[in-house]
Amino acid sequence: MTAPVELRGVTRRYGDTVALDDVDLVLEPGSLTGLLGPNGAGKSTLVNLVSGLRRPDTGTVRLFGGDPRDAANRVALGTTPQQIGLPDTLRVGEIVRFVGAHFPDPVGAGELLERFGLDGLERRQAGGLSGGQKRRLALALAFIGRARLVLLDEPTTGLDVEGRRALWDTVRAFHAGGGTVLLTTHYLDEIESLAERVVVLAGGRIRADGDVDTVRSAVRGGRVAFRIAARPGSSAGCAPGTAAVPDDLPGVDRAEVDGDRVVLHTADADELVRALVRHDVPFTDLAVSRASLEDAFLTLTGGPS
């Protein structure tokens, strides 16, 4: 089958800024891919290239085997951009029917609005919706044309917990029915909950590509977390964890101290625990865990999402 999305050797610049640098990416039919990266990594640029809103400086982008700028190739595409541009004076039902008219077999307005928790708002003007309701409407429009591929660019920004969970259920159902999804998000739990494949983008290049466990394995070892009290006679101005944890513990890559809670990142958790005992560190509530997706993300991109 033709891949819904194919990028080969794609580079895109904005002046002196390189947003994407020789990127290769193929999405197989029926896949659910999470695209992670810090701000400015090139995530939205990639989504805009696939949806035909931008063109590459070099390389090729294919949508269902054709040029994304050709409207005929976008009939099976649904998308939700980061920025919502709904006309304030139009009613919700008018917007849904207008967008649905661009597709041969759109989902009915009533069914679509109910699915996204917007039932009863069909006659409400878009300008009178709350921020979360506007986001839900924008998400609903991505699914109105019974798409085979959906691009969701930071889809749950501004949604409450209920809204996020409703979107997750919709994405899972769409995927279970054979749909292909490309999801960009800042929420790592969203990736872990939904994505079969994780692509980490930083500096315009793909830094990691695989399932969650494969990307997590980019960080060796794990985390040693515990609670600790300050040693008797330690400086009153020191946080308890800072005062009691020796500076010469072996193999500590990064330390996080929050009051009496300490988290140490290390390549050898067993050796680190033994060192805590040898140094007579008075710890409690010890927990050892493998590296998280967040640890891998920070390692691969050099910063927070």
Protein backbone atom coordinates (compact mmCIF):
# COMPACT_ATOMS: atom_id res chain seq x y z
CA MET A 1 0.00 0.00 0.00
CA THR A 2 1.11 3.57 -0.64
CA ALA A 3 2.50 5.25 2.46
CA PRO A 4 0.19 8.06 3.64
CA VAL A 5 3.24 10.25 4.39
CA GLU A 6 6.72 10.13 2.90
CA LEU A 7 9.53 12.67 3.33
CA ARG A 8 12.86 12.13 1.58
CA GLY A 9 15.85 14.39 2.13
CA VAL A 10 13.60 17.29 3.20
CA THR A 11 15.19 20.59 4.18
CA ARG A 12 13.25 23.74 4.99
CA ARG A 13 14.74 27.10 5.98
CA TYR A 14 13.30 30.37 7.22
CA GLY A 15 16.00 32.89 6.42
CA ASP A 16 19.11 31.76 8.27
CA THR A 17 17.14 29.34 10.45
CA VAL A 18 17.11 25.69 9.39
CA ALA A 19 13.78 24.26 10.56
CA LEU A 20 14.27 20.82 8.99
CA ASP A 21 17.63 19.44 7.90
CA ASP A 22 17.69 16.51 5.45
CA VAL A 23 14.80 14.66 7.11
CA ASP A 24 13.62 11.20 6.01
CA LEU A 25 10.32 9.97 7.46
CA VAL A 26 7.75 7.44 6.27
CA LEU A 27 4.41 6.75 7.99
CA GLU A 28 2.93 3.35 7.22
CA PRO A 29 -0.84 2.92 6.76
CA GLY A 30 -2.63 2.41 10.07
CA SER A 31 0.28 3.65 12.21
CA LEU A 32 0.04 5.99 15.20
CA THR A 33 3.19 8.09 15.49
CA GLY A 34 4.04 10.61 18.19
CA LEU A 35 6.37 13.45 17.19
CA LEU A 36 8.31 14.89 20.13
CA GLY A 37 10.66 17.84 20.23
CA PRO A 38 11.37 21.12 22.02
CA ASN A 39 9.99 24.43 20.77
CA GLY A 40 11.63 25.30 17.48
CA ALA A 41 12.55 21.69 16.71
CA GLY A 42 10.66 21.73 13.40
CA LYS A 43 7.53 19.79 14.40
CA SER A 44 4.98 22.29 13.07
CA THR A 45 7.05 22.86 9.94
CA LEU A 46 6.91 19.13 9.22
CA VAL A 47 3.13 19.08 9.74
CA ASN A 48 2.72 22.12 7.47
CA LEU A 49 4.77 20.45 4.73
CA VAL A 50 2.66 17.29 4.89
CA SER A 51 -0.59 19.27 4.80
CA GLY A 52 0.56 21.33 1.80
CA LEU A 53 0.79 24.67 3.60
CA ARG A 54 4.54 24.88 2.98
CA ARG A 55 6.90 23.48 0.39
CA PRO A 56 10.40 22.11 1.04
CA ASP A 57 13.50 23.96 -0.11
CA THR A 58 15.02 20.60 -1.08
CA GLY A 59 13.80 17.03 -1.01
CA THR A 60 10.35 15.60 -1.64
CA VAL A 61 7.14 15.35 0.39
CA ARG A 62 4.43 12.91 -0.63
CA LEU A 63 0.88 12.66 0.70
CA PHE A 64 -0.78 9.41 -0.37
CA GLY A 65 1.84 9.22 -3.11
CA GLY A 66 1.14 12.69 -4.54
CA ASP A 67 1.91 16.37 -4.02
CA PRO A 68 0.33 17.65 -0.78
CA ARG A 69 -0.40 20.99 -2.47
CA ASP A 70 -2.80 19.24 -4.84
CA ALA A 71 -6.26 19.43 -3.23
CA ALA A 72 -7.20 16.04 -4.67
CA ASN A 73 -4.52 14.41 -2.51
CA ARG A 74 -5.86 16.09 0.65
CA VAL A 75 -9.40 14.68 0.47
CA ALA A 76 -8.44 11.86 2.86
CA LEU A 77 -6.54 14.20 5.20
CA GLY A 78 -7.81 15.70 8.44
CA THR A 79 -5.77 18.21 10.39
CA THR A 80 -5.89 20.35 13.51
CA PRO A 81 -3.31 23.17 13.58
CA GLN A 82 -1.89 24.74 16.74
CA GLN A 83 -3.54 28.08 16.00
CA ILE A 84 -7.34 28.03 15.88
CA GLY A 85 -8.86 30.47 13.39
CA LEU A 86 -12.62 30.05 13.76
CA PRO A 87 -14.80 32.94 12.50
CA ASP A 88 -16.40 34.45 15.59
CA THR A 89 -19.72 35.40 13.98
CA LEU A 90 -20.52 32.00 12.48
CA ARG A 91 -22.51 29.48 14.49
CA VAL A 92 -21.01 26.13 15.39
CA GLY A 93 -23.42 24.26 13.13
CA GLU A 94 -22.64 26.59 10.21
CA ILE A 95 -18.92 25.98 10.60
CA VAL A 96 -19.36 22.21 10.73
CA ARG A 97 -21.62 22.15 7.66
CA PHE A 98 -19.31 24.49 5.72
CA VAL A 99 -16.24 22.35 6.35
CA GLY A 100 -18.19 19.13 5.79
CA ALA A 101 -19.28 20.34 2.34
CA HIS A 102 -15.67 19.97 1.15
CA PHE A 103 -15.82 16.18 1.61
CA PRO A 104 -17.79 13.55 -0.30
CA ASP A 105 -19.19 11.76 2.78
CA PRO A 106 -18.94 13.98 5.86
CA VAL A 107 -19.94 12.94 9.37
CA GLY A 108 -23.29 14.50 10.32
CA ALA A 109 -23.12 17.65 12.43
CA GLY A 110 -25.12 16.18 15.31
CA GLU A 111 -23.04 13.00 15.50
CA LEU A 112 -19.75 14.88 15.30
CA LEU A 113 -20.65 17.47 17.96
CA GLU A 114 -21.88 14.79 20.35
CA ARG A 115 -18.66 12.81 19.92
CA PHE A 116 -16.61 15.82 21.02
CA GLY A 117 -18.86 16.95 23.84
CA LEU A 118 -20.32 19.91 21.92
CA ASP A 119 -23.92 18.75 21.61
CA GLY A 120 -26.38 21.53 22.34
CA LEU A 121 -24.00 24.19 21.00
CA GLU A 122 -24.92 23.99 17.33
CA ARG A 123 -26.54 27.47 17.35
CA ARG A 124 -23.84 29.09 19.51
CA GLN A 125 -21.58 31.60 17.75
CA ALA A 126 -17.94 30.54 17.71
CA GLY A 127 -16.98 33.81 19.43
CA GLY A 128 -19.10 32.82 22.40
CA LEU A 129 -17.34 29.51 22.99
CA SER A 130 -14.83 29.00 25.76
CA GLY A 131 -11.21 28.31 24.85
CA GLY A 132 -11.63 24.60 25.54
CA GLN A 133 -14.81 24.44 23.44
CA LYS A 134 -13.05 26.13 20.52
CA ARG A 135 -10.24 23.59 20.77
CA ARG A 136 -12.78 20.73 20.79
CA LEU A 137 -14.49 22.15 17.71
CA ALA A 138 -11.18 22.45 15.86
CA LEU A 139 -10.41 18.84 16.74
CA ALA A 140 -13.84 17.70 15.60
CA LEU A 141 -13.30 19.28 12.19
CA ALA A 142 -10.23 17.09 11.66
CA PHE A 143 -12.48 14.02 11.70
CA ILE A 144 -15.49 15.35 9.78
CA GLY A 145 -14.36 14.04 6.38
CA ARG A 146 -13.81 10.43 7.51
CA ALA A 147 -10.09 10.91 6.91
CA ARG A 148 -7.58 8.11 6.44
CA LEU A 149 -4.79 10.29 7.87
CA VAL A 150 -5.12 12.81 10.69
CA LEU A 151 -2.42 15.35 11.63
CA LEU A 152 -2.83 16.65 15.18
CA ASP A 153 -0.46 19.49 16.08
CA GLU A 154 -0.48 20.01 19.88
CA PRO A 155 -4.16 18.98 19.92
CA THR A 156 -4.85 18.99 23.66
CA THR A 157 -3.30 22.35 24.53
CA GLY A 158 -5.93 24.24 26.52
CA LEU A 159 -8.12 21.20 27.13
CA ASP A 160 -9.15 20.07 30.60
CA VAL A 161 -8.59 16.48 31.75
CA GLU A 162 -12.01 15.38 30.50
CA GLY A 163 -11.35 16.91 27.10
CA ARG A 164 -7.95 15.25 26.81
CA ARG A 165 -9.37 11.84 27.68
CA ALA A 166 -12.20 12.27 25.16
CA LEU A 167 -9.69 13.08 22.44
CA TRP A 168 -7.57 10.08 23.40
CA ASP A 169 -10.63 7.83 23.06
CA THR A 170 -11.43 9.31 19.64
CA VAL A 171 -7.85 8.85 18.42
CA ARG A 172 -7.78 5.24 19.66
CA ALA A 173 -11.08 4.46 17.93
CA PHE A 174 -9.90 6.11 14.70
CA HIS A 175 -6.65 4.14 14.81
CA ALA A 176 -8.43 0.88 15.63
CA GLY A 177 -10.48 1.39 12.48
CA GLY A 178 -7.33 1.55 10.36
CA GLY A 179 -6.68 5.30 10.43
CA THR A 180 -3.16 6.77 10.40
CA VAL A 181 -2.25 9.42 12.98
CA LEU A 182 0.66 11.83 13.35
CA LEU A 183 0.51 13.54 16.73
CA THR A 184 2.77 16.30 18.01
CA THR A 185 2.55 17.10 21.71
CA HIS A 186 4.40 18.47 24.73
CA TYR A 187 2.70 15.91 26.97
CA LEU A 188 4.88 12.83 27.35
CA ASP A 189 2.05 10.87 28.99
CA GLU A 190 0.06 11.40 25.80
CA ILE A 191 2.82 9.78 23.75
CA GLU A 192 3.17 6.89 26.20
CA SER A 193 -0.60 6.35 26.25
CA LEU A 194 -1.27 6.57 22.51
CA ALA A 195 1.76 6.19 20.27
CA GLU A 196 3.08 2.95 18.79
CA ARG A 197 6.06 4.82 17.39
CA VAL A 198 7.96 7.81 18.75
CA VAL A 199 10.03 10.16 16.60
CA VAL A 200 12.19 12.67 18.49
CA LEU A 201 13.04 15.81 16.52
CA ALA A 202 15.61 18.36 17.67
CA GLY A 203 17.57 20.96 15.75
CA GLY A 204 15.71 20.04 12.58
CA ARG A 205 16.97 16.44 12.66
CA ILE A 206 15.51 13.13 13.79
CA ARG A 207 17.38 12.09 16.94
CA ALA A 208 15.49 8.88 17.71
CA ASP A 209 12.86 6.73 16.02
CA GLY A 210 11.22 3.62 17.47
CA ASP A 211 8.66 2.41 19.96
CA VAL A 212 8.51 3.91 23.45
CA ASP A 213 10.83 1.28 24.93
CA THR A 214 13.38 1.76 22.15
CA VAL A 215 13.48 5.53 22.64
CA ARG A 216 13.60 5.13 26.41
CA SER A 217 16.63 2.85 25.99
CA ALA A 218 18.57 5.84 24.65
CA VAL A 219 19.20 6.53 28.33
CA ARG A 220 21.12 3.80 30.14
CA GLY A 221 20.30 2.81 33.68
CA GLY A 222 17.55 4.52 35.61
CA ARG A 223 16.59 6.60 38.60
CA VAL A 224 17.13 6.15 42.33
CA ALA A 225 14.61 8.13 44.37
CA PHE A 226 14.34 8.42 48.15
CA ARG A 227 13.50 10.70 51.05
CA ILE A 228 16.20 11.90 53.40
CA ALA A 229 16.63 13.96 56.56
CA ALA A 230 19.43 16.44 57.21
CA ARG A 231 22.33 15.07 59.25
CA PRO A 232 22.53 16.26 62.86
CA GLY A 233 24.56 19.43 63.03
CA SER A 234 24.16 20.30 59.34
CA SER A 235 23.73 23.91 58.30
CA ALA A 236 20.24 25.19 58.97
CA GLY A 237 20.32 27.04 55.67
CA CYS A 238 20.72 23.85 53.63
CA ALA A 239 17.84 21.85 52.24
CA PRO A 240 17.69 18.43 53.96
CA GLY A 241 18.55 16.51 50.80
CA THR A 242 21.42 18.84 49.87
CA ALA A 243 22.93 18.59 53.33
CA ALA A 244 22.89 14.80 53.56
CA VAL A 245 23.81 13.56 50.06
CA PRO A 246 27.58 13.29 49.50
CA ASP A 247 29.05 14.98 46.44
CA ASP A 248 31.27 12.00 45.58
CA LEU A 249 28.62 9.34 44.94
CA PRO A 250 29.69 7.30 41.89
CA GLY A 251 27.92 7.41 38.55
CA VAL A 252 25.42 10.21 39.25
CA ASP A 253 24.55 11.84 35.94
CA ARG A 254 22.00 14.29 37.30
CA ALA A 255 20.54 15.05 40.72
CA GLU A 256 17.16 16.59 41.57
CA VAL A 257 16.52 17.77 45.12
CA ASP A 258 13.16 19.05 46.34
CA GLY A 259 13.17 19.45 50.12
CA ASP A 260 13.70 15.96 51.54
CA ARG A 261 12.97 14.27 48.20
CA VAL A 262 16.03 13.29 46.13
CA VAL A 263 16.11 11.76 42.64
CA LEU A 264 19.47 10.61 41.27
CA HIS A 265 19.88 9.65 37.61
CA THR A 266 22.55 7.03 37.05
CA ALA A 267 23.80 4.40 34.60
CA ASP A 268 24.19 1.82 37.41
CA ALA A 269 21.39 1.99 39.95
CA ASP A 270 22.57 -1.07 41.92
CA GLU A 271 26.04 0.37 42.49
CA LEU A 272 24.56 3.72 43.48
CA VAL A 273 22.34 2.12 46.14
CA ARG A 274 25.36 0.27 47.52
CA ALA A 275 27.24 3.58 47.65
CA LEU A 276 24.39 5.18 49.61
CA VAL A 277 24.71 2.41 52.19
CA ARG A 278 28.51 2.69 52.33
CA HIS A 279 28.24 6.45 52.89
CA ASP A 280 25.68 5.85 55.66
CA VAL A 281 23.13 8.11 53.95
CA PRO A 282 19.93 8.01 56.09
CA PHE A 283 17.41 7.37 53.29
CA THR A 284 13.81 6.12 53.43
CA ASP A 285 11.15 5.33 50.80
CA LEU A 286 13.77 4.07 48.36
CA ALA A 287 12.50 3.47 44.81
CA VAL A 288 14.56 2.31 41.84
CA SER A 289 13.07 2.63 38.35
CA ARG A 290 14.25 2.48 34.77
CA ALA A 291 14.76 5.60 32.71
CA SER A 292 11.52 7.32 31.70
CA LEU A 293 10.52 8.65 28.30
CA GLU A 294 11.10 12.12 29.75
CA ASP A 295 14.69 11.17 30.67
CA ALA A 296 15.28 10.00 27.11
CA PHE A 297 13.70 13.13 25.70
CA LEU A 298 15.91 15.41 27.78
CA THR A 299 19.01 13.43 26.88
CA LEU A 300 18.28 13.43 23.16
CA THR A 301 17.20 17.05 22.84
CA GLY A 302 19.25 18.68 25.56
CA GLY A 303 16.29 20.46 27.15
CA PRO A 304 12.67 20.35 28.24
CA SER A 305 9.78 19.90 25.83
